């Protein structure tokens, strides 16, 4: 999902919670907005943790040198 998906869920949840005044019978848009904001927050934290873990990896390159080839067998 990534950082963008987490931010998108936060924004959609905030719009549903605080910006929508319509009523749909049997559906509470405020609660759905809070659930979206919670999911967005979890997704944002997970994406940042995975990104921080990815930057801490190190890579080592091994170069084998063969300056003096072995003598041919007779």
N, C-alpha and C. Protein backbone atom coordinates (compact mmCIF):
# COMPACT_ATOMS: atom_id res chain seq x y z
N UNK A 1 0.85 -1.18 0.00
CA UNK A 1 0.00 0.00 0.00
C UNK A 1 0.89 1.24 0.00
N UNK A 2 1.84 1.31 0.85
CA UNK A 2 2.79 2.41 0.82
C UNK A 2 2.33 3.66 1.54
N UNK A 3 3.17 4.65 1.50
CA UNK A 3 2.91 5.90 2.19
C UNK A 3 1.73 6.64 1.55
N UNK A 4 1.68 6.63 0.22
CA UNK A 4 0.59 7.32 -0.48
C UNK A 4 -0.77 6.73 -0.16
N UNK A 5 -0.86 5.41 -0.08
CA UNK A 5 -2.12 4.76 0.27
C UNK A 5 -2.56 5.08 1.68
N UNK A 6 -1.61 5.13 2.60
CA UNK A 6 -1.93 5.50 3.98
C UNK A 6 -2.44 6.92 4.10
N UNK A 7 -1.81 7.83 3.38
CA UNK A 7 -2.26 9.22 3.38
C UNK A 7 -3.64 9.34 2.75
N UNK A 8 -3.86 8.59 1.66
CA UNK A 8 -5.16 8.63 1.00
C UNK A 8 -6.26 8.13 1.94
N UNK A 9 -6.01 7.05 2.66
CA UNK A 9 -7.00 6.55 3.62
C UNK A 9 -7.27 7.57 4.73
N UNK A 10 -6.22 8.23 5.19
CA UNK A 10 -6.41 9.26 6.22
C UNK A 10 -7.29 10.39 5.70
N UNK A 11 -7.04 10.83 4.48
CA UNK A 11 -7.82 11.94 3.91
C UNK A 11 -9.27 11.53 3.68
N UNK A 12 -9.47 10.35 3.11
CA UNK A 12 -10.84 9.88 2.87
C UNK A 12 -11.59 9.70 4.18
N UNK A 13 -10.91 9.16 5.17
CA UNK A 13 -11.54 9.00 6.48
C UNK A 13 -11.90 10.32 7.12
N UNK A 14 -11.03 11.30 7.00
CA UNK A 14 -11.31 12.62 7.58
C UNK A 14 -12.49 13.28 6.86
N UNK A 15 -12.56 13.11 5.55
CA UNK A 15 -13.69 13.69 4.81
C UNK A 15 -14.98 13.02 5.24
N UNK A 16 -14.97 11.69 5.36
CA UNK A 16 -16.19 11.00 5.79
C UNK A 16 -16.58 11.36 7.22
N UNK A 17 -15.60 11.51 8.10
CA UNK A 17 -15.91 11.79 9.50
C UNK A 17 -16.37 13.22 9.74
N UNK A 18 -15.68 14.16 9.15
CA UNK A 18 -15.91 15.55 9.50
C UNK A 18 -16.60 16.37 8.40
N UNK A 19 -16.57 15.90 7.16
CA UNK A 19 -17.06 16.74 6.09
C UNK A 19 -18.41 16.34 5.50
N UNK A 20 -18.82 15.11 5.72
CA UNK A 20 -20.07 14.64 5.12
C UNK A 20 -21.19 14.74 6.14
N UNK A 21 -22.24 15.45 5.77
CA UNK A 21 -23.37 15.63 6.68
C UNK A 21 -24.59 14.81 6.25
N UNK A 22 -24.49 14.10 5.13
CA UNK A 22 -25.61 13.29 4.66
C UNK A 22 -25.83 12.09 5.56
N UNK A 23 -27.03 11.62 5.58
CA UNK A 23 -27.39 10.44 6.37
C UNK A 23 -27.82 9.32 5.45
N UNK A 24 -27.28 8.15 5.66
CA UNK A 24 -27.71 6.95 4.96
C UNK A 24 -28.24 6.00 6.02
N UNK A 25 -29.45 5.53 5.82
CA UNK A 25 -30.09 4.69 6.82
C UNK A 25 -29.33 3.37 6.97
N UNK A 26 -28.95 3.06 8.20
CA UNK A 26 -28.23 1.83 8.49
C UNK A 26 -26.73 1.93 8.37
N UNK A 27 -26.20 3.07 7.91
CA UNK A 27 -24.76 3.23 7.75
C UNK A 27 -24.34 4.51 8.48
N UNK A 28 -23.38 4.38 9.35
CA UNK A 28 -22.85 5.53 10.08
C UNK A 28 -21.55 5.96 9.41
N UNK A 29 -21.59 7.03 8.62
CA UNK A 29 -20.42 7.47 7.87
C UNK A 29 -19.31 7.98 8.78
N UNK A 30 -19.66 8.47 9.95
CA UNK A 30 -18.64 8.95 10.88
C UNK A 30 -17.77 7.80 11.36
N UNK A 31 -18.40 6.67 11.69
CA UNK A 31 -17.64 5.51 12.15
C UNK A 31 -16.80 4.94 11.01
N UNK A 32 -17.34 4.89 9.81
CA UNK A 32 -16.57 4.42 8.66
C UNK A 32 -15.36 5.33 8.43
N UNK A 33 -15.54 6.61 8.60
CA UNK A 33 -14.43 7.55 8.47
C UNK A 33 -13.35 7.32 9.51
N UNK A 34 -13.76 7.06 10.75
CA UNK A 34 -12.78 6.76 11.80
C UNK A 34 -12.04 5.46 11.51
N UNK A 35 -12.74 4.47 10.99
CA UNK A 35 -12.09 3.21 10.64
C UNK A 35 -11.08 3.43 9.52
N UNK A 36 -11.44 4.21 8.51
CA UNK A 36 -10.51 4.53 7.42
C UNK A 36 -9.29 5.28 7.93
N UNK A 37 -9.50 6.22 8.84
CA UNK A 37 -8.37 6.96 9.40
C UNK A 37 -7.46 6.04 10.21
N UNK A 38 -8.03 5.11 10.96
CA UNK A 38 -7.21 4.15 11.71
C UNK A 38 -6.41 3.25 10.78
N UNK A 39 -7.07 2.75 9.73
CA UNK A 39 -6.35 1.93 8.76
C UNK A 39 -5.27 2.71 8.04
N UNK A 40 -5.53 3.96 7.73
CA UNK A 40 -4.53 4.80 7.09
C UNK A 40 -3.33 5.06 7.99
N UNK A 41 -3.60 5.25 9.26
CA UNK A 41 -2.51 5.47 10.22
C UNK A 41 -1.65 4.22 10.35
N UNK A 42 -2.29 3.06 10.43
CA UNK A 42 -1.54 1.81 10.52
C UNK A 42 -0.73 1.59 9.25
N UNK A 43 -1.32 1.84 8.08
CA UNK A 43 -0.61 1.68 6.82
C UNK A 43 0.57 2.64 6.72
N UNK A 44 0.37 3.86 7.18
CA UNK A 44 1.45 4.87 7.14
C UNK A 44 2.61 4.47 8.05
N UNK A 45 2.30 4.01 9.25
CA UNK A 45 3.35 3.58 10.18
C UNK A 45 4.09 2.37 9.64
N UNK A 46 3.35 1.40 9.09
CA UNK A 46 3.99 0.20 8.54
C UNK A 46 4.88 0.55 7.35
N UNK A 47 4.42 1.42 6.49
CA UNK A 47 5.22 1.80 5.32
C UNK A 47 6.48 2.54 5.74
N UNK A 48 6.38 3.40 6.72
CA UNK A 48 7.57 4.12 7.19
C UNK A 48 8.55 3.17 7.87
N UNK A 49 8.05 2.20 8.63
CA UNK A 49 8.93 1.23 9.29
C UNK A 49 9.64 0.36 8.26
N UNK A 50 8.92 -0.08 7.23
CA UNK A 50 9.56 -0.89 6.20
C UNK A 50 10.56 -0.08 5.39
N UNK A 51 10.25 1.18 5.15
CA UNK A 51 11.17 2.05 4.42
C UNK A 51 12.44 2.30 5.24
N UNK A 52 12.30 2.49 6.53
CA UNK A 52 13.47 2.71 7.39
C UNK A 52 14.32 1.45 7.46
N UNK A 53 13.68 0.30 7.48
CA UNK A 53 14.42 -0.96 7.50
C UNK A 53 15.17 -1.16 6.19
N UNK A 54 14.58 -0.75 5.10
CA UNK A 54 15.21 -0.92 3.79
C UNK A 54 16.45 -0.05 3.66
N UNK A 55 16.47 1.12 4.29
CA UNK A 55 17.63 2.01 4.16
C UNK A 55 18.79 1.55 5.03
N UNK A 56 18.56 0.66 5.99
CA UNK A 56 19.63 0.21 6.88
C UNK A 56 20.38 -0.99 6.33
N UNK A 57 20.03 -1.49 5.18
CA UNK A 57 20.74 -2.64 4.62
C UNK A 57 22.04 -2.19 3.98
N UNK A 58 23.01 -3.06 4.02
CA UNK A 58 24.29 -2.77 3.40
C UNK A 58 24.57 -3.82 2.33
N UNK A 59 25.34 -3.42 1.36
CA UNK A 59 25.70 -4.32 0.28
C UNK A 59 27.22 -4.35 0.18
N UNK A 60 27.74 -5.54 -0.04
CA UNK A 60 29.18 -5.69 -0.17
C UNK A 60 29.48 -6.37 -1.48
N UNK A 61 30.38 -5.79 -2.23
CA UNK A 61 30.75 -6.35 -3.51
C UNK A 61 32.09 -7.05 -3.37
N UNK A 62 32.14 -8.29 -3.81
CA UNK A 62 33.36 -9.08 -3.76
C UNK A 62 33.91 -9.20 -5.17
N UNK A 63 35.14 -8.79 -5.34
CA UNK A 63 35.79 -8.85 -6.64
C UNK A 63 36.95 -9.83 -6.54
N UNK A 64 36.90 -10.87 -7.34
CA UNK A 64 38.00 -11.84 -7.37
C UNK A 64 38.98 -11.43 -8.45
N UNK A 65 40.25 -11.38 -8.09
CA UNK A 65 41.27 -11.00 -9.06
C UNK A 65 42.12 -12.22 -9.36
N UNK A 66 42.41 -12.38 -10.62
CA UNK A 66 43.27 -13.48 -11.08
C UNK A 66 44.42 -12.88 -11.87
N UNK A 67 45.35 -12.26 -11.16
CA UNK A 67 46.48 -11.61 -11.82
C UNK A 67 47.46 -12.64 -12.39
N UNK A 68 47.77 -13.67 -11.63
CA UNK A 68 48.72 -14.68 -12.06
C UNK A 68 47.94 -15.98 -12.29
N UNK A 69 47.66 -16.29 -13.55
CA UNK A 69 46.94 -17.54 -13.80
C UNK A 69 47.83 -18.73 -13.45
N UNK A 70 47.24 -19.81 -13.05
CA UNK A 70 48.05 -20.98 -12.69
C UNK A 70 48.79 -21.52 -13.92
N UNK A 71 49.96 -22.12 -13.66
CA UNK A 71 50.77 -22.67 -14.75
C UNK A 71 50.05 -23.85 -15.38
N UNK A 72 50.18 -23.99 -16.70
CA UNK A 72 49.49 -25.11 -17.34
C UNK A 72 50.13 -26.45 -16.95
N UNK A 73 49.31 -27.45 -16.83
CA UNK A 73 49.79 -28.77 -16.47
C UNK A 73 50.34 -29.48 -17.70
N UNK A 74 51.40 -30.21 -17.49
CA UNK A 74 52.04 -30.92 -18.59
C UNK A 74 51.77 -32.40 -18.49
